[in-house]
């Protein structure tokens, strides 16, 4: 366990597409970042390969920015990353804007509050919140209830493997599921 107040430096590598091999660096002052592993991201983006070109993407709990950056690198048209911690937002903007220009936007906000004021619709949404906060199910509910998903949208939900899977709207169809280490990855389609 990390000592309180200790800062860890980390990096995550973009594993495919136009920016393959580029490393995103992050400072984890609170020890609460857990970027998706290369293996899990490779599986996820193999699932999404046909959906990415030109897609409008929402990375709702952005953290290190790995999922949004990977989607852009692999051909997504735009990605909007939402992160509540100001230092991480500044870091995401500093690193991603030079790579992807106007195709990326970073919003510093609490995810559920941001969803309530959002007026955009998305083709693909990544929901990978801190596991112990119980935010995945309310985020899924809000996306559906507020009409923020385009027809046939894909929604990726990551959770702790040994916990009950987060509840999603009944109309969503589960397309894929994979467990890896402590992680459960689920991909849904909104019909």
N, C-alpha and C. Protein backbone atom coordinates (compact mmCIF):
# COMPACT_ATOMS: atom_id res chain seq x y z
N UNK A 1 0.84 -1.18 0.00
CA UNK A 1 0.00 0.00 0.00
C UNK A 1 0.88 1.24 0.00
N UNK A 2 0.48 2.23 -0.78
CA UNK A 2 1.23 3.45 -0.91
C UNK A 2 1.05 4.35 0.31
N UNK A 3 2.12 5.00 0.72
CA UNK A 3 2.04 5.92 1.85
C UNK A 3 1.21 7.14 1.44
N UNK A 4 0.44 7.67 2.37
CA UNK A 4 -0.39 8.84 2.09
C UNK A 4 0.49 10.02 1.70
N UNK A 5 0.03 10.76 0.67
CA UNK A 5 0.79 11.93 0.24
C UNK A 5 1.89 11.61 -0.75
N UNK A 6 2.21 10.35 -0.94
CA UNK A 6 3.26 9.99 -1.87
C UNK A 6 2.74 10.10 -3.31
N UNK A 7 3.56 10.61 -4.20
CA UNK A 7 3.20 10.77 -5.59
C UNK A 7 3.85 9.67 -6.40
N UNK A 8 3.07 9.02 -7.26
CA UNK A 8 3.67 8.04 -8.17
C UNK A 8 3.55 8.56 -9.58
N UNK A 9 4.58 8.30 -10.36
CA UNK A 9 4.59 8.71 -11.75
C UNK A 9 4.33 7.48 -12.58
N UNK A 10 3.51 7.64 -13.59
CA UNK A 10 3.19 6.51 -14.43
C UNK A 10 3.08 6.92 -15.88
N UNK A 11 2.93 5.92 -16.69
CA UNK A 11 2.73 6.17 -18.11
C UNK A 11 1.90 5.04 -18.68
N UNK A 12 1.24 5.36 -19.76
CA UNK A 12 0.45 4.37 -20.47
C UNK A 12 0.75 4.58 -21.95
N UNK A 13 0.84 3.49 -22.67
CA UNK A 13 1.23 3.54 -24.08
C UNK A 13 -0.01 3.38 -24.96
N UNK A 14 -0.09 4.21 -26.01
CA UNK A 14 -1.11 4.01 -27.03
C UNK A 14 -0.67 2.81 -27.85
N UNK A 15 -1.53 1.80 -27.97
CA UNK A 15 -1.08 0.53 -28.54
C UNK A 15 -1.47 0.30 -29.99
N UNK A 16 -2.24 1.21 -30.59
CA UNK A 16 -2.60 1.01 -31.99
C UNK A 16 -2.91 2.31 -32.70
N UNK A 17 -2.97 2.25 -34.03
CA UNK A 17 -3.37 3.39 -34.82
C UNK A 17 -2.26 4.37 -35.13
N UNK A 18 -2.67 5.59 -35.50
CA UNK A 18 -1.72 6.61 -35.97
C UNK A 18 -0.70 7.05 -34.92
N UNK A 19 -1.04 6.96 -33.65
CA UNK A 19 -0.14 7.38 -32.57
C UNK A 19 0.41 6.17 -31.79
N UNK A 20 0.40 5.02 -32.42
CA UNK A 20 0.89 3.79 -31.78
C UNK A 20 2.29 4.00 -31.21
N UNK A 21 2.47 3.56 -29.98
CA UNK A 21 3.76 3.66 -29.32
C UNK A 21 3.94 4.94 -28.51
N UNK A 22 3.11 5.94 -28.74
CA UNK A 22 3.24 7.19 -27.98
C UNK A 22 2.85 6.93 -26.52
N UNK A 23 3.62 7.50 -25.62
CA UNK A 23 3.36 7.31 -24.20
C UNK A 23 2.72 8.55 -23.60
N UNK A 24 1.65 8.31 -22.84
CA UNK A 24 1.01 9.36 -22.08
C UNK A 24 1.52 9.25 -20.65
N UNK A 25 1.97 10.35 -20.11
CA UNK A 25 2.52 10.36 -18.75
C UNK A 25 1.50 10.98 -17.80
N UNK A 26 1.45 10.45 -16.60
CA UNK A 26 0.54 11.00 -15.61
C UNK A 26 1.17 10.91 -14.24
N UNK A 27 0.76 11.82 -13.38
CA UNK A 27 1.17 11.81 -11.98
C UNK A 27 -0.06 11.45 -11.18
N UNK A 28 0.10 10.44 -10.33
CA UNK A 28 -1.02 9.95 -9.54
C UNK A 28 -0.77 10.31 -8.08
N UNK A 29 -1.17 11.52 -7.71
CA UNK A 29 -0.89 12.01 -6.36
C UNK A 29 -1.68 11.29 -5.29
N UNK A 30 -2.83 10.76 -5.66
CA UNK A 30 -3.70 10.13 -4.67
C UNK A 30 -3.66 8.60 -4.73
N UNK A 31 -2.94 8.07 -5.69
CA UNK A 31 -2.85 6.62 -5.81
C UNK A 31 -4.14 5.96 -6.25
N UNK A 32 -4.99 6.71 -6.98
CA UNK A 32 -6.30 6.17 -7.34
C UNK A 32 -6.47 5.91 -8.84
N UNK A 33 -5.41 6.08 -9.61
CA UNK A 33 -5.51 5.78 -11.04
C UNK A 33 -5.15 4.32 -11.30
N UNK A 34 -5.91 3.68 -12.16
CA UNK A 34 -5.61 2.32 -12.58
C UNK A 34 -5.96 2.20 -14.06
N UNK A 35 -5.07 2.71 -14.93
CA UNK A 35 -5.37 2.65 -16.36
C UNK A 35 -5.61 1.22 -16.82
N UNK A 36 -6.50 1.06 -17.79
CA UNK A 36 -6.76 -0.27 -18.35
C UNK A 36 -5.46 -0.83 -18.90
N UNK A 37 -5.24 -2.11 -18.69
CA UNK A 37 -4.00 -2.74 -19.14
C UNK A 37 -3.93 -2.77 -20.66
N UNK A 38 -2.70 -2.90 -21.18
CA UNK A 38 -2.52 -3.02 -22.63
C UNK A 38 -3.35 -4.18 -23.17
N UNK A 39 -3.33 -5.29 -22.48
CA UNK A 39 -4.06 -6.48 -22.95
C UNK A 39 -5.56 -6.24 -23.01
N UNK A 40 -6.12 -5.61 -21.97
CA UNK A 40 -7.55 -5.35 -21.96
C UNK A 40 -7.92 -4.32 -23.03
N UNK A 41 -7.07 -3.30 -23.20
CA UNK A 41 -7.35 -2.31 -24.24
C UNK A 41 -7.26 -2.93 -25.63
N UNK A 42 -6.32 -3.81 -25.84
CA UNK A 42 -6.20 -4.49 -27.14
C UNK A 42 -7.46 -5.30 -27.43
N UNK A 43 -7.95 -6.02 -26.44
CA UNK A 43 -9.19 -6.79 -26.61
C UNK A 43 -10.35 -5.85 -26.92
N UNK A 44 -10.50 -4.81 -26.13
CA UNK A 44 -11.59 -3.85 -26.32
C UNK A 44 -11.57 -3.26 -27.72
N UNK A 45 -10.41 -2.80 -28.17
CA UNK A 45 -10.35 -2.13 -29.46
C UNK A 45 -10.43 -3.12 -30.63
N UNK A 46 -10.13 -4.37 -30.39
CA UNK A 46 -10.44 -5.39 -31.41
C UNK A 46 -11.95 -5.53 -31.54
N UNK A 47 -12.66 -5.50 -30.42
CA UNK A 47 -14.13 -5.56 -30.44
C UNK A 47 -14.71 -4.37 -31.20
N UNK A 48 -14.08 -3.21 -31.06
CA UNK A 48 -14.64 -1.96 -31.58
C UNK A 48 -14.11 -1.53 -32.94
N UNK A 49 -13.24 -2.30 -33.52
CA UNK A 49 -12.54 -1.91 -34.74
C UNK A 49 -13.46 -1.33 -35.81
N UNK A 50 -14.57 -1.97 -36.08
CA UNK A 50 -15.48 -1.52 -37.15
C UNK A 50 -16.30 -0.29 -36.73
N UNK A 51 -16.38 -0.02 -35.43
CA UNK A 51 -17.22 1.08 -34.94
C UNK A 51 -16.46 2.41 -34.85
N UNK A 52 -15.14 2.38 -34.88
CA UNK A 52 -14.36 3.57 -34.56
C UNK A 52 -14.27 4.65 -35.64
N UNK A 53 -14.13 4.31 -36.92
CA UNK A 53 -13.93 5.38 -37.90
C UNK A 53 -15.02 6.45 -37.85
N UNK A 54 -14.57 7.67 -37.54
CA UNK A 54 -15.47 8.81 -37.48
C UNK A 54 -16.35 8.90 -36.25
N UNK A 55 -16.23 7.97 -35.32
CA UNK A 55 -17.13 7.93 -34.15
C UNK A 55 -16.94 9.15 -33.24
N UNK A 56 -18.05 9.51 -32.60
CA UNK A 56 -18.05 10.55 -31.57
C UNK A 56 -17.99 9.80 -30.24
N UNK A 57 -16.92 10.02 -29.48
CA UNK A 57 -16.59 9.21 -28.31
C UNK A 57 -16.66 10.04 -27.03
N UNK A 58 -17.17 9.43 -25.97
CA UNK A 58 -17.16 10.03 -24.64
C UNK A 58 -16.39 9.10 -23.70
N UNK A 59 -15.32 9.62 -23.11
CA UNK A 59 -14.55 8.91 -22.09
C UNK A 59 -14.94 9.58 -20.77
N UNK A 60 -15.91 8.99 -20.07
CA UNK A 60 -16.60 9.67 -18.99
C UNK A 60 -15.81 9.82 -17.70
N UNK A 61 -14.98 8.88 -17.37
CA UNK A 61 -14.13 8.97 -16.17
C UNK A 61 -12.70 8.84 -16.69
N UNK A 62 -12.18 9.87 -17.32
CA UNK A 62 -11.00 9.77 -18.17
C UNK A 62 -9.72 9.32 -17.46
N UNK A 63 -9.46 9.78 -16.24
CA UNK A 63 -8.24 9.35 -15.55
C UNK A 63 -6.99 9.65 -16.35
N UNK A 64 -6.29 8.60 -16.80
CA UNK A 64 -5.06 8.76 -17.58
C UNK A 64 -5.33 9.17 -19.02
N UNK A 65 -6.57 9.04 -19.47
CA UNK A 65 -6.92 9.38 -20.85
C UNK A 65 -6.65 8.28 -21.85
N UNK A 66 -6.25 7.10 -21.37
CA UNK A 66 -5.83 6.02 -22.26
C UNK A 66 -6.93 5.58 -23.23
N UNK A 67 -8.17 5.45 -22.77
CA UNK A 67 -9.23 4.95 -23.65
C UNK A 67 -9.60 5.98 -24.72
N UNK A 68 -9.74 7.22 -24.33
CA UNK A 68 -10.05 8.26 -25.32
C UNK A 68 -8.93 8.44 -26.33
N UNK A 69 -7.69 8.44 -25.86
CA UNK A 69 -6.54 8.58 -26.76
C UNK A 69 -6.44 7.40 -27.73
N UNK A 70 -6.68 6.21 -27.22
CA UNK A 70 -6.62 5.02 -28.07
C UNK A 70 -7.70 5.09 -29.15
N UNK A 71 -8.91 5.53 -28.79
CA UNK A 71 -9.99 5.65 -29.77
C UNK A 71 -9.62 6.66 -30.86
N UNK A 72 -9.07 7.79 -30.48
CA UNK A 72 -8.65 8.79 -31.46
C UNK A 72 -7.54 8.27 -32.36
N UNK A 73 -6.58 7.62 -31.77
CA UNK A 73 -5.47 7.06 -32.54
C UNK A 73 -5.95 6.07 -33.58
N UNK A 74 -7.04 5.37 -33.26
CA UNK A 74 -7.57 4.34 -34.15
C UNK A 74 -8.69 4.84 -35.06
N UNK A 75 -8.88 6.15 -35.15
CA UNK A 75 -9.78 6.68 -36.16
C UNK A 75 -11.05 7.34 -35.71
N UNK A 76 -11.30 7.43 -34.40
CA UNK A 76 -12.50 8.14 -33.94
C UNK A 76 -12.44 9.58 -34.43
N UNK A 77 -13.59 10.13 -34.77
CA UNK A 77 -13.65 11.49 -35.28
C UNK A 77 -13.43 12.54 -34.21
N UNK A 78 -14.02 12.31 -33.03
CA UNK A 78 -13.89 13.24 -31.91
C UNK A 78 -13.96 12.45 -30.62
N UNK A 79 -13.26 12.96 -29.61
CA UNK A 79 -13.37 12.37 -28.27
C UNK A 79 -13.49 13.49 -27.26
N UNK A 80 -14.43 13.31 -26.35
CA UNK A 80 -14.64 14.22 -25.26
C UNK A 80 -14.29 13.47 -23.98
N UNK A 81 -13.35 13.97 -23.22
CA UNK A 81 -12.91 13.33 -21.99
C UNK A 81 -13.39 14.14 -20.81
N UNK A 82 -14.01 13.48 -19.85
CA UNK A 82 -14.50 14.15 -18.64
C UNK A 82 -13.71 13.60 -17.46
N UNK A 83 -13.11 14.50 -16.70
CA UNK A 83 -12.31 14.13 -15.53
C UNK A 83 -12.56 15.18 -14.47
N UNK A 84 -12.77 14.76 -13.23
CA UNK A 84 -13.12 15.75 -12.21
C UNK A 84 -11.92 16.41 -11.54
N UNK A 85 -10.76 15.84 -11.61
CA UNK A 85 -9.59 16.41 -10.94
C UNK A 85 -8.88 17.41 -11.86
N UNK A 86 -8.77 18.64 -11.38
CA UNK A 86 -8.22 19.73 -12.20
C UNK A 86 -6.81 19.46 -12.70
N UNK A 87 -5.95 18.92 -11.85
CA UNK A 87 -4.58 18.68 -12.29
C UNK A 87 -4.54 17.66 -13.43
N UNK A 88 -5.38 16.66 -13.36
CA UNK A 88 -5.43 15.67 -14.44
C UNK A 88 -6.01 16.27 -15.72
N UNK A 89 -7.01 17.11 -15.59
CA UNK A 89 -7.59 17.77 -16.77
C UNK A 89 -6.52 18.58 -17.49
N UNK A 90 -5.77 19.37 -16.74
CA UNK A 90 -4.71 20.18 -17.34
C UNK A 90 -3.68 19.29 -18.02
N UNK A 91 -3.33 18.20 -17.36
CA UNK A 91 -2.35 17.27 -17.92
C UNK A 91 -2.87 16.60 -19.19
N UNK A 92 -4.14 16.20 -19.19
CA UNK A 92 -4.74 15.59 -20.38
C UNK A 92 -4.74 16.58 -21.54
N UNK A 93 -5.15 17.79 -21.31
CA UNK A 93 -5.15 18.81 -22.36
C UNK A 93 -3.75 19.05 -22.90
N UNK A 94 -2.80 19.16 -21.99
CA UNK A 94 -1.41 19.44 -22.39
C UNK A 94 -0.84 18.33 -23.27
N UNK A 95 -1.19 17.08 -22.98
CA UNK A 95 -0.63 15.98 -23.75
C UNK A 95 -1.43 15.60 -25.00
N UNK A 96 -2.76 15.69 -24.92
CA UNK A 96 -3.59 15.19 -26.02
C UNK A 96 -3.83 16.21 -27.12
N UNK A 97 -3.89 17.49 -26.79
CA UNK A 97 -4.15 18.49 -27.82
C UNK A 97 -3.06 18.50 -28.90
N UNK A 98 -1.77 18.45 -28.55
CA UNK A 98 -0.75 18.39 -29.61
C UNK A 98 -0.86 17.12 -30.49
N UNK A 99 -1.36 16.04 -29.91
CA UNK A 99 -1.48 14.79 -30.67
C UNK A 99 -2.70 14.78 -31.59
N UNK A 100 -3.82 15.31 -31.10
CA UNK A 100 -5.08 15.14 -31.82
C UNK A 100 -5.79 16.45 -32.18
N UNK A 101 -5.23 17.58 -31.79
CA UNK A 101 -5.78 18.87 -32.17
C UNK A 101 -7.22 19.06 -31.74
N UNK A 102 -8.05 19.56 -32.64
CA UNK A 102 -9.44 19.86 -32.33
C UNK A 102 -10.32 18.63 -32.20
N UNK A 103 -9.78 17.47 -32.47
CA UNK A 103 -10.56 16.23 -32.34
C UNK A 103 -10.75 15.84 -30.88
N UNK A 104 -9.99 16.44 -29.96
CA UNK A 104 -10.10 16.09 -28.54
C UNK A 104 -10.51 17.33 -27.74
N UNK A 105 -11.41 17.09 -26.77
CA UNK A 105 -11.80 18.12 -25.81
C UNK A 105 -11.78 17.49 -24.42
N UNK A 106 -11.30 18.26 -23.46
CA UNK A 106 -11.25 17.80 -22.07
C UNK A 106 -12.11 18.72 -21.23
N UNK A 107 -13.04 18.12 -20.47
CA UNK A 107 -13.91 18.88 -19.56
C UNK A 107 -13.56 18.49 -18.13
N UNK A 108 -13.37 19.49 -17.30
CA UNK A 108 -13.10 19.25 -15.90
C UNK A 108 -14.42 19.37 -15.15
N UNK A 109 -14.98 18.22 -14.78
CA UNK A 109 -16.29 18.21 -14.13
C UNK A 109 -16.53 16.86 -13.48
N UNK A 110 -17.45 16.85 -12.54
CA UNK A 110 -17.91 15.59 -11.96
C UNK A 110 -18.81 14.93 -13.01
N UNK A 111 -18.56 13.67 -13.31
CA UNK A 111 -19.18 12.99 -14.46
C UNK A 111 -20.71 13.05 -14.47
N UNK A 112 -21.36 12.69 -13.38
CA UNK A 112 -22.82 12.64 -13.38
C UNK A 112 -23.43 14.04 -13.51
N UNK A 113 -22.82 15.03 -12.90
CA UNK A 113 -23.31 16.40 -13.04
C UNK A 113 -23.10 16.89 -14.47
N UNK A 114 -21.97 16.52 -15.06
CA UNK A 114 -21.70 16.92 -16.44
C UNK A 114 -22.73 16.29 -17.39
N UNK A 115 -23.05 15.02 -17.18
CA UNK A 115 -24.04 14.36 -18.03
C UNK A 115 -25.38 15.09 -18.00
N UNK A 116 -25.76 15.57 -16.83
CA UNK A 116 -27.06 16.24 -16.67
C UNK A 116 -27.16 17.51 -17.51
N UNK A 117 -26.03 18.14 -17.85
CA UNK A 117 -26.06 19.35 -18.67
C UNK A 117 -25.59 19.13 -20.10
N UNK A 118 -25.19 17.92 -20.43
CA UNK A 118 -24.68 17.61 -21.77
C UNK A 118 -25.80 17.67 -22.80
N UNK A 119 -25.49 18.21 -23.95
CA UNK A 119 -26.47 18.30 -25.04
C UNK A 119 -25.98 17.58 -26.28
N UNK A 120 -24.95 16.79 -26.16
CA UNK A 120 -24.39 16.06 -27.29
C UNK A 120 -24.84 14.60 -27.25
N UNK A 121 -24.68 13.91 -28.37
CA UNK A 121 -24.99 12.49 -28.44
C UNK A 121 -23.75 11.75 -28.94
N UNK A 122 -23.58 10.51 -28.48
CA UNK A 122 -22.34 9.79 -28.72
C UNK A 122 -22.58 8.42 -29.37
N UNK A 123 -21.59 8.03 -30.17
CA UNK A 123 -21.58 6.70 -30.80
C UNK A 123 -20.96 5.66 -29.88
N UNK A 124 -20.04 6.10 -29.04
CA UNK A 124 -19.27 5.20 -28.19
C UNK A 124 -18.99 5.88 -26.86
N UNK A 125 -19.25 5.17 -25.76
CA UNK A 125 -18.99 5.72 -24.43
C UNK A 125 -18.18 4.72 -23.62
N UNK A 126 -17.14 5.22 -22.96
CA UNK A 126 -16.33 4.43 -22.04
C UNK A 126 -16.74 4.79 -20.61
N UNK A 127 -17.12 3.79 -19.83
CA UNK A 127 -17.48 4.00 -18.43
C UNK A 127 -16.55 3.13 -17.58
N UNK A 128 -15.55 3.75 -17.02
CA UNK A 128 -14.54 3.05 -16.22
C UNK A 128 -14.25 3.89 -14.97
N UNK A 129 -15.24 4.00 -14.06
CA UNK A 129 -15.06 4.86 -12.88
C UNK A 129 -14.26 4.15 -11.79
N UNK A 130 -13.84 4.91 -10.76
CA UNK A 130 -13.26 4.24 -9.59
C UNK A 130 -14.25 3.20 -9.08
N UNK A 131 -13.77 2.00 -8.84
CA UNK A 131 -14.66 0.88 -8.55
C UNK A 131 -15.52 1.08 -7.30
N UNK A 132 -14.98 1.63 -6.25
CA UNK A 132 -15.68 1.65 -4.97
C UNK A 132 -16.71 2.77 -4.82
N UNK A 133 -16.88 3.59 -5.84
CA UNK A 133 -17.80 4.72 -5.71
C UNK A 133 -19.20 4.44 -6.25
N UNK A 134 -19.41 3.30 -6.88
CA UNK A 134 -20.74 2.95 -7.36
C UNK A 134 -21.28 3.87 -8.44
N UNK A 135 -20.43 4.35 -9.33
CA UNK A 135 -20.85 5.33 -10.32
C UNK A 135 -21.24 4.74 -11.68
N UNK A 136 -20.88 3.50 -11.94
CA UNK A 136 -21.13 2.92 -13.26
C UNK A 136 -22.63 2.83 -13.57
N UNK A 137 -23.41 2.26 -12.67
CA UNK A 137 -24.85 2.10 -12.92
C UNK A 137 -25.55 3.45 -13.08
N UNK A 138 -25.33 4.43 -12.21
CA UNK A 138 -25.98 5.74 -12.42
C UNK A 138 -25.55 6.40 -13.73
N UNK A 139 -24.30 6.21 -14.13
CA UNK A 139 -23.84 6.78 -15.40
C UNK A 139 -24.57 6.14 -16.57
N UNK A 140 -24.73 4.82 -16.53
CA UNK A 140 -25.46 4.12 -17.60
C UNK A 140 -26.91 4.59 -17.66
N UNK A 141 -27.54 4.69 -16.49
CA UNK A 141 -28.93 5.16 -16.43
C UNK A 141 -29.06 6.56 -17.01
N UNK A 142 -28.13 7.44 -16.65
CA UNK A 142 -28.20 8.83 -17.11
C UNK A 142 -28.02 8.91 -18.63
N UNK A 143 -27.09 8.15 -19.18
CA UNK A 143 -26.89 8.16 -20.63
C UNK A 143 -28.18 7.82 -21.37
N UNK A 144 -28.88 6.82 -20.87
CA UNK A 144 -30.12 6.39 -21.51
C UNK A 144 -31.25 7.39 -21.26
N UNK A 145 -31.44 7.76 -20.01
CA UNK A 145 -32.56 8.63 -19.64
C UNK A 145 -32.46 10.02 -20.28
N UNK A 146 -31.24 10.51 -20.46
CA UNK A 146 -31.05 11.86 -21.00
C UNK A 146 -30.92 11.87 -22.52
N UNK A 147 -30.99 10.69 -23.15
CA UNK A 147 -30.93 10.63 -24.61
C UNK A 147 -29.58 11.00 -25.19
N UNK A 148 -28.50 10.61 -24.51
CA UNK A 148 -27.16 11.00 -24.95
C UNK A 148 -26.49 9.98 -25.86
N UNK A 149 -27.20 8.91 -26.18
CA UNK A 149 -26.64 7.86 -27.04
C UNK A 149 -27.30 7.88 -28.41
N UNK A 150 -26.48 7.78 -29.44
CA UNK A 150 -27.02 7.67 -30.79
C UNK A 150 -27.57 6.26 -30.98
N UNK A 151 -28.45 6.08 -31.96
CA UNK A 151 -28.93 4.72 -32.24
C UNK A 151 -27.74 3.80 -32.55
N UNK A 152 -27.79 2.61 -32.02
CA UNK A 152 -26.74 1.60 -32.22
C UNK A 152 -25.42 1.95 -31.53
N UNK A 153 -25.47 2.84 -30.54
CA UNK A 153 -24.25 3.22 -29.80
C UNK A 153 -23.68 2.01 -29.07
N UNK A 154 -22.38 2.06 -28.84
CA UNK A 154 -21.68 1.05 -28.05
C UNK A 154 -21.27 1.67 -26.72
N UNK A 155 -21.41 0.89 -25.66
CA UNK A 155 -21.07 1.36 -24.32
C UNK A 155 -20.17 0.32 -23.67
N UNK A 156 -18.98 0.75 -23.28
CA UNK A 156 -18.02 -0.13 -22.61
C UNK A 156 -18.07 0.17 -21.13
N UNK A 157 -18.27 -0.89 -20.32
CA UNK A 157 -18.33 -0.73 -18.87
C UNK A 157 -17.28 -1.64 -18.25
N UNK A 158 -16.39 -1.03 -17.46
CA UNK A 158 -15.35 -1.80 -16.78
C UNK A 158 -15.63 -1.77 -15.28
N UNK A 159 -15.51 -2.92 -14.65
CA UNK A 159 -15.77 -3.02 -13.21
C UNK A 159 -14.82 -4.05 -12.60
N UNK A 160 -14.87 -4.14 -11.29
CA UNK A 160 -14.06 -5.14 -10.59
C UNK A 160 -14.68 -6.52 -10.83
N UNK A 161 -13.87 -7.46 -11.16
CA UNK A 161 -14.33 -8.80 -11.54
C UNK A 161 -15.17 -9.48 -10.47
N UNK A 162 -14.80 -9.33 -9.23
CA UNK A 162 -15.47 -10.07 -8.16
C UNK A 162 -16.70 -9.36 -7.60
N UNK A 163 -16.98 -8.15 -8.09
CA UNK A 163 -18.18 -7.44 -7.69
C UNK A 163 -19.32 -7.83 -8.64
N UNK A 164 -20.53 -7.58 -8.21
CA UNK A 164 -21.67 -7.77 -9.12
C UNK A 164 -21.52 -6.78 -10.27
N UNK A 165 -21.85 -7.23 -11.46
CA UNK A 165 -21.77 -6.34 -12.63
C UNK A 165 -22.72 -5.16 -12.43
N UNK A 166 -22.30 -3.96 -12.81
CA UNK A 166 -23.19 -2.80 -12.66
C UNK A 166 -24.47 -2.98 -13.48
N UNK A 167 -25.58 -2.52 -12.93
CA UNK A 167 -26.86 -2.59 -13.64
C UNK A 167 -26.83 -1.63 -14.82
N UNK A 168 -27.36 -2.08 -15.94
CA UNK A 168 -27.47 -1.25 -17.14
C UNK A 168 -28.94 -1.26 -17.57
N UNK A 169 -29.35 -0.31 -18.39
CA UNK A 169 -30.74 -0.31 -18.86
C UNK A 169 -31.10 -1.65 -19.53
N UNK A 170 -32.32 -2.10 -19.29
CA UNK A 170 -32.76 -3.40 -19.80
C UNK A 170 -32.71 -3.50 -21.31
N UNK A 171 -32.87 -2.40 -21.99
CA UNK A 171 -32.89 -2.43 -23.46
C UNK A 171 -31.50 -2.66 -24.06
N UNK A 172 -30.44 -2.45 -23.29
CA UNK A 172 -29.10 -2.62 -23.83
C UNK A 172 -28.79 -4.10 -24.04
N UNK A 173 -28.16 -4.39 -25.14
CA UNK A 173 -27.77 -5.76 -25.47
C UNK A 173 -26.29 -5.96 -25.16
N UNK A 174 -25.97 -6.97 -24.35
CA UNK A 174 -24.55 -7.24 -24.07
C UNK A 174 -23.97 -7.99 -25.26
N UNK A 175 -22.94 -7.40 -25.86
CA UNK A 175 -22.29 -7.99 -27.03
C UNK A 175 -21.10 -8.85 -26.65
N UNK A 176 -20.32 -8.38 -25.69
CA UNK A 176 -19.08 -9.08 -25.32
C UNK A 176 -18.84 -8.92 -23.83
N UNK A 177 -18.10 -9.89 -23.29
CA UNK A 177 -17.67 -9.81 -21.89
C UNK A 177 -16.37 -10.57 -21.76
N UNK A 178 -15.47 -10.03 -20.95
CA UNK A 178 -14.19 -10.69 -20.71
C UNK A 178 -13.71 -10.34 -19.31
N UNK A 179 -13.20 -11.35 -18.62
CA UNK A 179 -12.55 -11.13 -17.33
C UNK A 179 -11.05 -11.25 -17.54
N UNK A 180 -10.33 -10.38 -16.88
CA UNK A 180 -8.87 -10.42 -16.94
C UNK A 180 -8.31 -9.86 -15.66
N UNK A 181 -7.58 -10.70 -14.90
CA UNK A 181 -7.07 -10.26 -13.61
C UNK A 181 -8.23 -9.88 -12.71
N UNK A 182 -8.21 -8.65 -12.20
CA UNK A 182 -9.26 -8.17 -11.31
C UNK A 182 -10.36 -7.41 -12.05
N UNK A 183 -10.33 -7.46 -13.40
CA UNK A 183 -11.20 -6.61 -14.20
C UNK A 183 -12.25 -7.42 -14.96
N UNK A 184 -13.47 -6.88 -14.99
CA UNK A 184 -14.53 -7.41 -15.87
C UNK A 184 -14.81 -6.33 -16.91
N UNK A 185 -14.69 -6.70 -18.17
CA UNK A 185 -14.97 -5.78 -19.27
C UNK A 185 -16.24 -6.23 -19.97
N UNK A 186 -17.17 -5.30 -20.16
CA UNK A 186 -18.43 -5.62 -20.83
C UNK A 186 -18.71 -4.58 -21.90
N UNK A 187 -19.11 -5.05 -23.06
CA UNK A 187 -19.45 -4.15 -24.16
C UNK A 187 -20.93 -4.34 -24.47
N UNK A 188 -21.66 -3.22 -24.48
CA UNK A 188 -23.10 -3.23 -24.74
C UNK A 188 -23.40 -2.45 -26.02
N UNK A 189 -24.58 -2.74 -26.57
CA UNK A 189 -25.11 -1.99 -27.70
C UNK A 189 -26.48 -1.47 -27.32
N UNK A 190 -26.69 -0.21 -27.64
CA UNK A 190 -28.03 0.35 -27.44
C UNK A 190 -28.80 0.16 -28.74
N UNK A 191 -29.83 -0.70 -28.74
CA UNK A 191 -30.54 -0.98 -29.98
C UNK A 191 -31.33 0.24 -30.47
